[in-house]
Amino acid sequence: MKFLFDLGGVFFDWDPHHFYKDIFDTEDESKYFLTEVCSDEWNIKQDAGRTIEEAESELIPKFPHYEREIKMYYMNHRKMIRGIFNLSINVLEKLKKQNYECYVLSNWSAETFAGMIDDYPFLKLFDGLLISGEDKLMKPDMAIYELAINRFNLMPQKTVFIDDKLENIEAAKIIHLNTIHLVDPNKIELEVDKFI
């Protein structure tokens, strides 16, 4: 078996709310901002390769009174990481000690991923990383799974894909990857052990 991991929700506890809860006076305004202004749909386009400059230029004219808070989003991207899931890192270390090949397939902006490997050295344990923003493709688009398979020389039936988002898991099943839908990072070892 080979293993193909997502990063957010699997290794990183990333959520914009971790940062913005201290920026706005009320929970309601923080929720409004992250739902209607810097929304998931807006952020995802950066994961697909759009530049931060383009993203801000699109949004600020629509919400000029939030210009300051919009510009804070990517400047403070690392502060949105509340921590890392150590159990997942332990599993990765165990797999590597047993000579399993481990790779990354993650939706992540190329600009915000810059420097992550230096800041989080466990990322060096992976045999390869495919970051969506660098290749301008993203899950659950089938093309990014096919790119991962070709780039990392994977056989789907002998590869386990681990992700926290159901739509990404469903897409992986279409091309016959084995899957772990990781809704609770505390259960990662239990789930991975089923395949080794």
N, C-alpha and C. Protein backbone atom coordinates (compact mmCIF):
# COMPACT_ATOMS: atom_id res chain seq x y z
N MET A 1 0.83 -1.21 0.00
CA MET A 1 0.00 0.00 0.00
C MET A 1 0.87 1.26 0.00
N LYS A 2 0.31 2.31 -0.63
CA LYS A 2 0.87 3.65 -0.52
C LYS A 2 -0.23 4.53 0.08
N PHE A 3 0.16 5.66 0.65
CA PHE A 3 -0.79 6.52 1.35
C PHE A 3 -0.75 7.94 0.79
N LEU A 4 -1.95 8.50 0.57
CA LEU A 4 -2.10 9.84 -0.01
C LEU A 4 -2.95 10.67 0.94
N PHE A 5 -2.33 11.65 1.57
CA PHE A 5 -2.97 12.41 2.65
C PHE A 5 -3.39 13.81 2.22
N ASP A 6 -4.55 14.23 2.70
CA ASP A 6 -4.92 15.64 2.74
C ASP A 6 -4.15 16.28 3.91
N LEU A 7 -4.08 17.61 3.95
CA LEU A 7 -3.40 18.29 5.06
C LEU A 7 -4.39 18.95 6.03
N GLY A 8 -5.23 19.86 5.54
CA GLY A 8 -6.19 20.55 6.41
C GLY A 8 -7.23 19.57 6.94
N GLY A 9 -7.44 19.58 8.25
CA GLY A 9 -8.39 18.65 8.86
C GLY A 9 -7.81 17.29 9.16
N VAL A 10 -6.65 16.99 8.57
CA VAL A 10 -5.96 15.71 8.82
C VAL A 10 -4.70 15.95 9.65
N PHE A 11 -3.89 16.93 9.23
CA PHE A 11 -2.69 17.29 9.98
C PHE A 11 -2.79 18.66 10.64
N PHE A 12 -3.54 19.57 10.01
CA PHE A 12 -3.63 20.94 10.50
C PHE A 12 -5.05 21.28 10.94
N ASP A 13 -5.17 21.87 12.13
CA ASP A 13 -6.45 22.39 12.60
C ASP A 13 -6.54 23.84 12.12
N TRP A 14 -6.95 23.98 10.84
CA TRP A 14 -7.02 25.30 10.21
C TRP A 14 -8.47 25.75 10.11
N ASP A 15 -8.75 26.95 10.57
CA ASP A 15 -10.09 27.51 10.47
C ASP A 15 -9.97 29.03 10.61
N PRO A 16 -10.47 29.81 9.64
CA PRO A 16 -10.37 31.28 9.74
C PRO A 16 -10.99 31.84 11.02
N HIS A 17 -11.96 31.12 11.56
CA HIS A 17 -12.62 31.58 12.78
C HIS A 17 -11.64 31.68 13.95
N HIS A 18 -10.62 30.81 13.96
CA HIS A 18 -9.61 30.86 15.03
C HIS A 18 -8.99 32.26 15.13
N PHE A 19 -8.84 32.92 13.98
CA PHE A 19 -8.25 34.27 13.96
C PHE A 19 -9.31 35.36 14.12
N TYR A 20 -10.39 35.27 13.33
CA TYR A 20 -11.34 36.38 13.27
C TYR A 20 -12.21 36.53 14.52
N LYS A 21 -12.28 35.51 15.35
CA LYS A 21 -13.08 35.64 16.57
C LYS A 21 -12.54 36.75 17.47
N ASP A 22 -11.26 37.09 17.31
CA ASP A 22 -10.67 38.16 18.11
C ASP A 22 -10.66 39.51 17.39
N ILE A 23 -11.11 39.52 16.15
CA ILE A 23 -11.08 40.75 15.34
C ILE A 23 -12.41 41.51 15.44
N PHE A 24 -13.49 40.77 15.44
CA PHE A 24 -14.82 41.40 15.49
C PHE A 24 -15.35 41.42 16.92
N ASP A 25 -16.19 42.40 17.17
CA ASP A 25 -16.75 42.56 18.52
C ASP A 25 -17.77 41.48 18.86
N THR A 26 -18.47 40.99 17.83
CA THR A 26 -19.50 39.98 18.09
C THR A 26 -19.28 38.72 17.26
N GLU A 27 -19.75 37.63 17.80
CA GLU A 27 -19.72 36.34 17.10
C GLU A 27 -20.53 36.42 15.81
N ASP A 28 -21.65 37.14 15.87
CA ASP A 28 -22.51 37.27 14.69
C ASP A 28 -21.80 37.95 13.53
N GLU A 29 -21.04 39.02 13.83
CA GLU A 29 -20.34 39.71 12.75
C GLU A 29 -19.21 38.86 12.19
N SER A 30 -18.52 38.17 13.05
CA SER A 30 -17.45 37.26 12.61
C SER A 30 -18.02 36.19 11.68
N LYS A 31 -19.15 35.63 12.08
CA LYS A 31 -19.80 34.59 11.26
C LYS A 31 -20.27 35.17 9.92
N TYR A 32 -20.86 36.37 9.96
CA TYR A 32 -21.31 37.03 8.73
C TYR A 32 -20.12 37.24 7.78
N PHE A 33 -19.02 37.75 8.32
CA PHE A 33 -17.85 38.05 7.50
C PHE A 33 -17.31 36.80 6.81
N LEU A 34 -17.24 35.69 7.55
CA LEU A 34 -16.67 34.46 7.00
C LEU A 34 -17.67 33.67 6.15
N THR A 35 -18.93 34.08 6.18
CA THR A 35 -19.94 33.43 5.35
C THR A 35 -20.23 34.23 4.08
N GLU A 36 -20.27 35.56 4.23
CA GLU A 36 -20.71 36.41 3.13
C GLU A 36 -19.59 37.21 2.46
N VAL A 37 -18.49 37.45 3.16
CA VAL A 37 -17.40 38.27 2.61
C VAL A 37 -16.24 37.35 2.24
N CYS A 38 -15.39 37.02 3.18
CA CYS A 38 -14.30 36.06 2.93
C CYS A 38 -14.83 34.65 3.14
N SER A 39 -15.65 34.23 2.20
CA SER A 39 -16.35 32.94 2.32
C SER A 39 -15.47 31.78 1.86
N ASP A 40 -15.93 30.57 2.14
CA ASP A 40 -15.22 29.38 1.66
C ASP A 40 -15.11 29.39 0.14
N GLU A 41 -16.20 29.80 -0.53
CA GLU A 41 -16.21 29.82 -2.01
C GLU A 41 -15.15 30.78 -2.55
N TRP A 42 -14.97 31.90 -1.88
CA TRP A 42 -13.96 32.88 -2.27
C TRP A 42 -12.55 32.33 -2.02
N ASN A 43 -12.34 31.75 -0.87
CA ASN A 43 -11.02 31.21 -0.50
C ASN A 43 -10.60 30.06 -1.42
N ILE A 44 -11.57 29.23 -1.79
CA ILE A 44 -11.28 28.05 -2.63
C ILE A 44 -10.64 28.45 -3.96
N LYS A 45 -11.02 29.61 -4.48
CA LYS A 45 -10.44 30.04 -5.76
C LYS A 45 -8.94 30.29 -5.66
N GLN A 46 -8.47 30.65 -4.48
CA GLN A 46 -7.02 30.81 -4.28
C GLN A 46 -6.37 29.43 -4.21
N ASP A 47 -7.07 28.46 -3.62
CA ASP A 47 -6.56 27.07 -3.61
C ASP A 47 -6.43 26.54 -5.03
N ALA A 48 -7.26 27.07 -5.93
CA ALA A 48 -7.24 26.63 -7.33
C ALA A 48 -6.23 27.41 -8.18
N GLY A 49 -5.52 28.35 -7.56
CA GLY A 49 -4.45 29.03 -8.28
C GLY A 49 -4.60 30.52 -8.47
N ARG A 50 -5.76 31.09 -8.09
CA ARG A 50 -5.91 32.54 -8.22
C ARG A 50 -4.99 33.24 -7.21
N THR A 51 -4.42 34.36 -7.60
CA THR A 51 -3.50 35.06 -6.70
C THR A 51 -4.29 35.80 -5.61
N ILE A 52 -3.62 36.04 -4.50
CA ILE A 52 -4.22 36.79 -3.39
C ILE A 52 -4.55 38.21 -3.85
N GLU A 53 -3.68 38.79 -4.66
CA GLU A 53 -3.92 40.15 -5.16
C GLU A 53 -5.23 40.20 -5.96
N GLU A 54 -5.43 39.22 -6.84
CA GLU A 54 -6.67 39.16 -7.63
C GLU A 54 -7.88 38.97 -6.73
N ALA A 55 -7.73 38.11 -5.73
CA ALA A 55 -8.83 37.81 -4.81
C ALA A 55 -9.27 39.06 -4.05
N GLU A 56 -8.30 39.81 -3.55
CA GLU A 56 -8.61 41.03 -2.80
C GLU A 56 -9.20 42.10 -3.72
N SER A 57 -8.67 42.18 -4.92
CA SER A 57 -9.17 43.19 -5.88
C SER A 57 -10.62 42.94 -6.27
N GLU A 58 -11.02 41.67 -6.29
CA GLU A 58 -12.40 41.34 -6.60
C GLU A 58 -13.32 41.71 -5.44
N LEU A 59 -12.87 41.46 -4.22
CA LEU A 59 -13.74 41.54 -3.05
C LEU A 59 -13.88 42.94 -2.46
N ILE A 60 -12.79 43.68 -2.42
CA ILE A 60 -12.81 44.99 -1.73
C ILE A 60 -13.83 45.96 -2.34
N PRO A 61 -13.97 46.06 -3.68
CA PRO A 61 -15.00 46.95 -4.23
C PRO A 61 -16.42 46.56 -3.83
N LYS A 62 -16.64 45.26 -3.57
CA LYS A 62 -17.97 44.80 -3.16
C LYS A 62 -18.25 45.11 -1.68
N PHE A 63 -17.19 45.07 -0.87
CA PHE A 63 -17.34 45.29 0.57
C PHE A 63 -16.29 46.31 1.05
N PRO A 64 -16.36 47.56 0.55
CA PRO A 64 -15.29 48.54 0.86
C PRO A 64 -15.14 48.81 2.35
N HIS A 65 -16.22 48.70 3.12
CA HIS A 65 -16.12 48.97 4.56
C HIS A 65 -15.39 47.85 5.31
N TYR A 66 -15.15 46.73 4.62
CA TYR A 66 -14.39 45.63 5.22
C TYR A 66 -12.98 45.50 4.62
N GLU A 67 -12.51 46.55 3.97
CA GLU A 67 -11.20 46.46 3.29
C GLU A 67 -10.10 45.99 4.24
N ARG A 68 -10.04 46.59 5.42
CA ARG A 68 -8.99 46.23 6.40
C ARG A 68 -9.07 44.75 6.77
N GLU A 69 -10.29 44.27 7.05
CA GLU A 69 -10.46 42.88 7.49
C GLU A 69 -10.20 41.90 6.35
N ILE A 70 -10.55 42.30 5.11
CA ILE A 70 -10.26 41.44 3.95
C ILE A 70 -8.75 41.27 3.78
N LYS A 71 -8.03 42.37 3.90
CA LYS A 71 -6.56 42.30 3.73
C LYS A 71 -5.89 41.52 4.86
N MET A 72 -6.56 41.42 5.98
CA MET A 72 -6.01 40.64 7.10
C MET A 72 -6.05 39.14 6.84
N TYR A 73 -6.93 38.70 5.96
CA TYR A 73 -7.18 37.26 5.79
C TYR A 73 -5.90 36.50 5.45
N TYR A 74 -5.25 36.90 4.39
CA TYR A 74 -4.07 36.14 3.98
C TYR A 74 -2.80 36.56 4.71
N MET A 75 -2.76 37.79 5.21
CA MET A 75 -1.62 38.20 6.03
C MET A 75 -1.54 37.38 7.32
N ASN A 76 -2.68 36.89 7.76
CA ASN A 76 -2.75 36.16 9.03
C ASN A 76 -3.12 34.69 8.85
N HIS A 77 -2.83 34.16 7.67
CA HIS A 77 -3.23 32.80 7.35
C HIS A 77 -2.67 31.79 8.36
N ARG A 78 -1.43 31.99 8.78
CA ARG A 78 -0.81 31.04 9.74
C ARG A 78 -1.50 31.10 11.10
N LYS A 79 -2.04 32.26 11.44
CA LYS A 79 -2.72 32.39 12.74
C LYS A 79 -4.07 31.67 12.73
N MET A 80 -4.50 31.25 11.55
CA MET A 80 -5.73 30.47 11.46
C MET A 80 -5.47 28.99 11.75
N ILE A 81 -4.20 28.62 11.86
CA ILE A 81 -3.83 27.26 12.25
C ILE A 81 -3.73 27.23 13.77
N ARG A 82 -4.73 26.60 14.41
CA ARG A 82 -4.73 26.56 15.87
C ARG A 82 -3.69 25.57 16.39
N GLY A 83 -3.36 24.60 15.56
CA GLY A 83 -2.37 23.61 15.96
C GLY A 83 -2.29 22.50 14.95
N ILE A 84 -1.51 21.50 15.29
CA ILE A 84 -1.39 20.32 14.44
C ILE A 84 -1.90 19.10 15.21
N PHE A 85 -2.33 18.11 14.46
CA PHE A 85 -2.84 16.88 15.08
C PHE A 85 -1.66 15.91 15.24
N ASN A 86 -1.14 15.83 16.45
CA ASN A 86 0.06 15.03 16.70
C ASN A 86 -0.15 13.55 16.42
N LEU A 87 -1.37 13.06 16.61
CA LEU A 87 -1.64 11.64 16.32
C LEU A 87 -1.40 11.34 14.85
N SER A 88 -1.78 12.29 13.98
CA SER A 88 -1.56 12.10 12.54
C SER A 88 -0.07 12.06 12.22
N ILE A 89 0.69 12.93 12.88
CA ILE A 89 2.15 12.93 12.67
C ILE A 89 2.75 11.62 13.16
N ASN A 90 2.26 11.11 14.28
CA ASN A 90 2.74 9.82 14.79
C ASN A 90 2.48 8.70 13.79
N VAL A 91 1.29 8.73 13.17
CA VAL A 91 0.94 7.72 12.17
C VAL A 91 1.87 7.83 10.95
N LEU A 92 2.12 9.06 10.51
CA LEU A 92 3.04 9.28 9.39
C LEU A 92 4.43 8.74 9.72
N GLU A 93 4.92 9.04 10.90
CA GLU A 93 6.25 8.55 11.32
C GLU A 93 6.29 7.03 11.36
N LYS A 94 5.21 6.42 11.84
CA LYS A 94 5.14 4.96 11.91
C LYS A 94 5.16 4.35 10.50
N LEU A 95 4.38 4.94 9.60
CA LEU A 95 4.35 4.43 8.22
C LEU A 95 5.72 4.54 7.56
N LYS A 96 6.40 5.66 7.78
CA LYS A 96 7.71 5.85 7.16
C LYS A 96 8.73 4.86 7.73
N LYS A 97 8.65 4.58 9.05
CA LYS A 97 9.57 3.60 9.66
C LYS A 97 9.35 2.21 9.07
N GLN A 98 8.12 1.95 8.63
CA GLN A 98 7.79 0.66 8.03
C GLN A 98 7.94 0.68 6.51
N ASN A 99 8.56 1.77 6.01
CA ASN A 99 8.90 1.91 4.58
C ASN A 99 7.70 2.02 3.64
N TYR A 100 6.59 2.55 4.16
CA TYR A 100 5.46 2.87 3.27
C TYR A 100 5.70 4.23 2.62
N GLU A 101 5.34 4.31 1.33
CA GLU A 101 5.43 5.60 0.65
C GLU A 101 4.22 6.45 1.03
N CYS A 102 4.47 7.72 1.38
CA CYS A 102 3.40 8.62 1.81
C CYS A 102 3.48 9.93 1.03
N TYR A 103 2.34 10.37 0.53
CA TYR A 103 2.28 11.57 -0.30
C TYR A 103 1.18 12.50 0.20
N VAL A 104 1.21 13.73 -0.31
CA VAL A 104 0.20 14.74 0.02
C VAL A 104 -0.57 15.14 -1.22
N LEU A 105 -1.89 15.23 -1.08
CA LEU A 105 -2.76 15.83 -2.10
C LEU A 105 -3.66 16.81 -1.36
N SER A 106 -3.35 18.10 -1.45
CA SER A 106 -4.03 19.10 -0.62
C SER A 106 -4.50 20.29 -1.43
N ASN A 107 -5.72 20.74 -1.13
CA ASN A 107 -6.21 22.02 -1.64
C ASN A 107 -5.61 23.12 -0.77
N TRP A 108 -4.68 23.89 -1.33
CA TRP A 108 -3.98 24.93 -0.55
C TRP A 108 -3.43 25.96 -1.52
N SER A 109 -3.57 27.21 -1.20
CA SER A 109 -3.02 28.28 -2.04
C SER A 109 -1.49 28.16 -2.10
N ALA A 110 -0.95 28.32 -3.30
CA ALA A 110 0.51 28.25 -3.46
C ALA A 110 1.19 29.34 -2.63
N GLU A 111 0.57 30.52 -2.56
CA GLU A 111 1.19 31.64 -1.85
C GLU A 111 1.21 31.42 -0.34
N THR A 112 0.14 30.86 0.21
CA THR A 112 0.14 30.65 1.66
C THR A 112 0.88 29.39 2.05
N PHE A 113 1.10 28.48 1.09
CA PHE A 113 1.88 27.28 1.41
C PHE A 113 3.38 27.56 1.44
N ALA A 114 3.80 28.65 0.81
CA ALA A 114 5.23 28.99 0.80
C ALA A 114 5.75 29.10 2.24
N GLY A 115 6.84 28.38 2.50
CA GLY A 115 7.45 28.42 3.83
C GLY A 115 6.91 27.39 4.81
N MET A 116 5.82 26.71 4.45
CA MET A 116 5.22 25.74 5.38
C MET A 116 6.17 24.60 5.72
N ILE A 117 6.93 24.13 4.74
CA ILE A 117 7.82 22.99 4.99
C ILE A 117 8.91 23.36 5.99
N ASP A 118 9.37 24.60 5.94
CA ASP A 118 10.36 25.06 6.93
C ASP A 118 9.72 25.21 8.30
N ASP A 119 8.50 25.72 8.34
CA ASP A 119 7.82 25.96 9.62
C ASP A 119 7.31 24.67 10.26
N TYR A 120 6.99 23.68 9.44
CA TYR A 120 6.45 22.41 9.94
C TYR A 120 7.28 21.27 9.35
N PRO A 121 8.42 20.96 9.97
CA PRO A 121 9.38 20.02 9.39
C PRO A 121 8.83 18.61 9.15
N PHE A 122 7.74 18.22 9.82
CA PHE A 122 7.20 16.88 9.56
C PHE A 122 6.79 16.72 8.10
N LEU A 123 6.54 17.84 7.40
CA LEU A 123 6.17 17.76 5.98
C LEU A 123 7.30 17.18 5.12
N LYS A 124 8.53 17.25 5.64
CA LYS A 124 9.68 16.68 4.91
C LYS A 124 9.65 15.16 4.89
N LEU A 125 8.84 14.55 5.75
CA LEU A 125 8.74 13.08 5.79
C LEU A 125 8.03 12.52 4.57
N PHE A 126 7.20 13.35 3.93
CA PHE A 126 6.45 12.86 2.77
C PHE A 126 7.37 12.63 1.57
N ASP A 127 6.99 11.67 0.75
CA ASP A 127 7.77 11.35 -0.45
C ASP A 127 7.46 12.30 -1.60
N GLY A 128 6.39 13.07 -1.48
CA GLY A 128 6.03 14.06 -2.49
C GLY A 128 4.79 14.80 -2.05
N LEU A 129 4.67 16.05 -2.50
CA LEU A 129 3.52 16.88 -2.15
C LEU A 129 2.92 17.49 -3.40
N LEU A 130 1.61 17.34 -3.55
CA LEU A 130 0.89 17.98 -4.65
C LEU A 130 -0.03 19.02 -4.01
N ILE A 131 0.29 20.29 -4.21
CA ILE A 131 -0.46 21.41 -3.65
C ILE A 131 -1.29 22.03 -4.76
N SER A 132 -2.60 22.08 -4.56
CA SER A 132 -3.51 22.46 -5.63
C SER A 132 -3.17 23.81 -6.27
N GLY A 133 -2.85 24.80 -5.46
CA GLY A 133 -2.57 26.14 -5.98
C GLY A 133 -1.36 26.19 -6.89
N GLU A 134 -0.43 25.25 -6.70
CA GLU A 134 0.78 25.22 -7.54
C GLU A 134 0.47 24.65 -8.92
N ASP A 135 -0.48 23.72 -8.98
CA ASP A 135 -0.82 23.08 -10.25
C ASP A 135 -2.14 23.58 -10.85
N LYS A 136 -2.79 24.53 -10.12
CA LYS A 136 -4.03 25.15 -10.61
C LYS A 136 -5.12 24.13 -10.93
N LEU A 137 -5.16 23.10 -10.10
CA LEU A 137 -6.23 22.11 -10.12
C LEU A 137 -6.62 21.89 -8.67
N MET A 138 -7.83 21.41 -8.43
CA MET A 138 -8.16 21.13 -7.03
C MET A 138 -9.21 20.03 -6.89
N LYS A 139 -9.16 19.39 -5.73
CA LYS A 139 -10.17 18.39 -5.39
C LYS A 139 -11.53 19.09 -5.26
N PRO A 140 -12.62 18.47 -5.66
CA PRO A 140 -12.73 17.08 -6.13
C PRO A 140 -12.65 16.92 -7.66
N ASP A 141 -12.03 17.84 -8.37
CA ASP A 141 -11.84 17.70 -9.82
C ASP A 141 -11.01 16.43 -10.09
N MET A 142 -11.53 15.58 -10.94
CA MET A 142 -10.87 14.30 -11.21
C MET A 142 -9.44 14.48 -11.73
N ALA A 143 -9.19 15.60 -12.41
CA ALA A 143 -7.87 15.82 -13.01
C ALA A 143 -6.75 15.84 -11.97
N ILE A 144 -7.03 16.34 -10.76
CA ILE A 144 -5.96 16.42 -9.76
C ILE A 144 -5.63 15.04 -9.18
N TYR A 145 -6.64 14.18 -9.12
CA TYR A 145 -6.37 12.80 -8.67
C TYR A 145 -5.52 12.07 -9.71
N GLU A 146 -5.87 12.28 -10.97
CA GLU A 146 -5.11 11.64 -12.05
C GLU A 146 -3.67 12.16 -12.07
N LEU A 147 -3.50 13.46 -11.80
CA LEU A 147 -2.16 14.03 -11.74
C LEU A 147 -1.36 13.40 -10.60
N ALA A 148 -1.99 13.23 -9.44
CA ALA A 148 -1.31 12.60 -8.30
C ALA A 148 -0.91 11.16 -8.63
N ILE A 149 -1.81 10.43 -9.26
CA ILE A 149 -1.52 9.04 -9.62
C ILE A 149 -0.33 8.95 -10.56
N ASN A 150 -0.29 9.84 -11.55
CA ASN A 150 0.81 9.83 -12.52
C ASN A 150 2.11 10.33 -11.91
N ARG A 151 2.03 11.43 -11.17
CA ARG A 151 3.23 12.04 -10.61
C ARG A 151 3.91 11.13 -9.58
N PHE A 152 3.09 10.47 -8.75
CA PHE A 152 3.64 9.67 -7.66
C PHE A 152 3.66 8.18 -7.98
N ASN A 153 3.32 7.83 -9.24
CA ASN A 153 3.35 6.44 -9.68
C ASN A 153 2.50 5.55 -8.76
N LEU A 154 1.25 5.94 -8.58
CA LEU A 154 0.34 5.22 -7.69
C LEU A 154 -0.53 4.24 -8.47
N MET A 155 -0.82 3.10 -7.85
CA MET A 155 -1.86 2.21 -8.36
C MET A 155 -3.07 2.41 -7.45
N PRO A 156 -4.19 2.93 -7.98
CA PRO A 156 -5.33 3.26 -7.11
C PRO A 156 -5.74 2.14 -6.16
N GLN A 157 -5.78 0.90 -6.65
CA GLN A 157 -6.23 -0.21 -5.80
C GLN A 157 -5.24 -0.50 -4.66
N LYS A 158 -4.01 0.03 -4.80
CA LYS A 158 -2.99 -0.18 -3.76
C LYS A 158 -2.60 1.14 -3.08
N THR A 159 -3.53 2.10 -3.10
CA THR A 159 -3.30 3.41 -2.49
C THR A 159 -4.48 3.76 -1.59
N VAL A 160 -4.17 4.31 -0.42
CA VAL A 160 -5.21 4.75 0.52
C VAL A 160 -5.20 6.28 0.54
N PHE A 161 -6.36 6.87 0.27
CA PHE A 161 -6.53 8.33 0.28
C PHE A 161 -7.26 8.74 1.55
N ILE A 162 -6.68 9.67 2.30
CA ILE A 162 -7.24 10.12 3.58
C ILE A 162 -7.60 11.59 3.47
N ASP A 163 -8.89 11.92 3.72
CA ASP A 163 -9.37 13.30 3.58
C ASP A 163 -10.53 13.51 4.55
N ASP A 164 -10.73 14.77 4.97
CA ASP A 164 -11.83 15.06 5.90
C ASP A 164 -13.11 15.48 5.20
N LYS A 165 -13.05 15.73 3.89
CA LYS A 165 -14.24 16.22 3.17
C LYS A 165 -14.85 15.10 2.32
N LEU A 166 -16.15 14.89 2.53
CA LEU A 166 -16.84 13.78 1.88
C LEU A 166 -16.79 13.89 0.36
N GLU A 167 -16.93 15.11 -0.19
CA GLU A 167 -16.94 15.24 -1.66
C GLU A 167 -15.61 14.80 -2.28
N ASN A 168 -14.51 15.00 -1.53
CA ASN A 168 -13.20 14.56 -2.03
C ASN A 168 -13.06 13.04 -1.96
N ILE A 169 -13.63 12.46 -0.92
CA ILE A 169 -13.63 11.00 -0.77
C ILE A 169 -14.45 10.35 -1.88
N GLU A 170 -15.64 10.92 -2.15
CA GLU A 170 -16.51 10.35 -3.19
C GLU A 170 -15.83 10.39 -4.56
N ALA A 171 -15.11 11.48 -4.85
CA ALA A 171 -14.39 11.57 -6.13
C ALA A 171 -13.28 10.53 -6.20
N ALA A 172 -12.58 10.32 -5.09
CA ALA A 172 -11.48 9.35 -5.06
C ALA A 172 -11.99 7.93 -5.31
N LYS A 173 -13.18 7.65 -4.82
CA LYS A 173 -13.76 6.30 -5.01
C LYS A 173 -14.02 6.02 -6.48
N ILE A 174 -14.36 7.05 -7.24
CA ILE A 174 -14.67 6.87 -8.66
C ILE A 174 -13.48 6.28 -9.41
N ILE A 175 -12.27 6.67 -8.99
CA ILE A 175 -11.08 6.12 -9.67
C ILE A 175 -10.45 4.99 -8.86
N HIS A 176 -11.25 4.40 -7.96
CA HIS A 176 -10.90 3.16 -7.26
C HIS A 176 -9.77 3.28 -6.24
N LEU A 177 -9.57 4.51 -5.72
CA LEU A 177 -8.67 4.63 -4.58
C LEU A 177 -9.37 4.06 -3.35
N ASN A 178 -8.60 3.40 -2.48
CA ASN A 178 -9.12 3.07 -1.15
C ASN A 178 -9.23 4.38 -0.38
N THR A 179 -10.21 4.50 0.50
CA THR A 179 -10.43 5.79 1.14
C THR A 179 -10.65 5.67 2.65
N ILE A 180 -10.24 6.73 3.34
CA ILE A 180 -10.59 6.93 4.75
C ILE A 180 -11.19 8.32 4.85
N HIS A 181 -12.47 8.39 5.19
CA HIS A 181 -13.12 9.68 5.43
C HIS A 181 -12.88 10.03 6.89
N LEU A 182 -11.90 10.89 7.14
CA LEU A 182 -11.44 11.17 8.50
C LEU A 182 -12.26 12.31 9.12
N VAL A 183 -13.35 11.95 9.79
CA VAL A 183 -14.16 12.97 10.44
C VAL A 183 -13.64 13.29 11.84
N ASP A 184 -12.83 12.39 12.40
CA ASP A 184 -12.25 12.59 13.73
C ASP A 184 -10.76 12.25 13.67
N PRO A 185 -9.88 13.26 13.72
CA PRO A 185 -8.43 12.99 13.63
C PRO A 185 -7.92 12.02 14.71
N ASN A 186 -8.64 11.90 15.82
CA ASN A 186 -8.22 10.98 16.88
C ASN A 186 -8.33 9.52 16.47
N LYS A 187 -9.06 9.26 15.37
CA LYS A 187 -9.25 7.87 14.94
C LYS A 187 -8.34 7.48 13.78
N ILE A 188 -7.39 8.34 13.46
CA ILE A 188 -6.57 8.08 12.26
C ILE A 188 -5.77 6.79 12.36
N GLU A 189 -5.20 6.52 13.52
CA GLU A 189 -4.37 5.31 13.64
C GLU A 189 -5.22 4.06 13.46
N LEU A 190 -6.38 4.05 14.09
CA LEU A 190 -7.30 2.94 13.97
C LEU A 190 -7.67 2.68 12.50
N GLU A 191 -7.95 3.75 11.77
CA GLU A 191 -8.36 3.63 10.37
C GLU A 191 -7.20 3.21 9.47
N VAL A 192 -6.03 3.80 9.68
CA VAL A 192 -4.87 3.46 8.84
C VAL A 192 -4.42 2.01 9.08
N ASP A 193 -4.50 1.57 10.33
CA ASP A 193 -4.04 0.21 10.67
C ASP A 193 -4.81 -0.86 9.91
N LYS A 194 -6.01 -0.53 9.43
CA LYS A 194 -6.80 -1.51 8.67
C LYS A 194 -6.15 -1.85 7.33
N PHE A 195 -5.23 -0.98 6.90
CA PHE A 195 -4.62 -1.16 5.57
C PHE A 195 -3.16 -1.62 5.62
N ILE A 196 -2.62 -1.81 6.83
CA ILE A 196 -1.20 -2.20 6.90
C ILE A 196 -1.03 -3.54 7.63
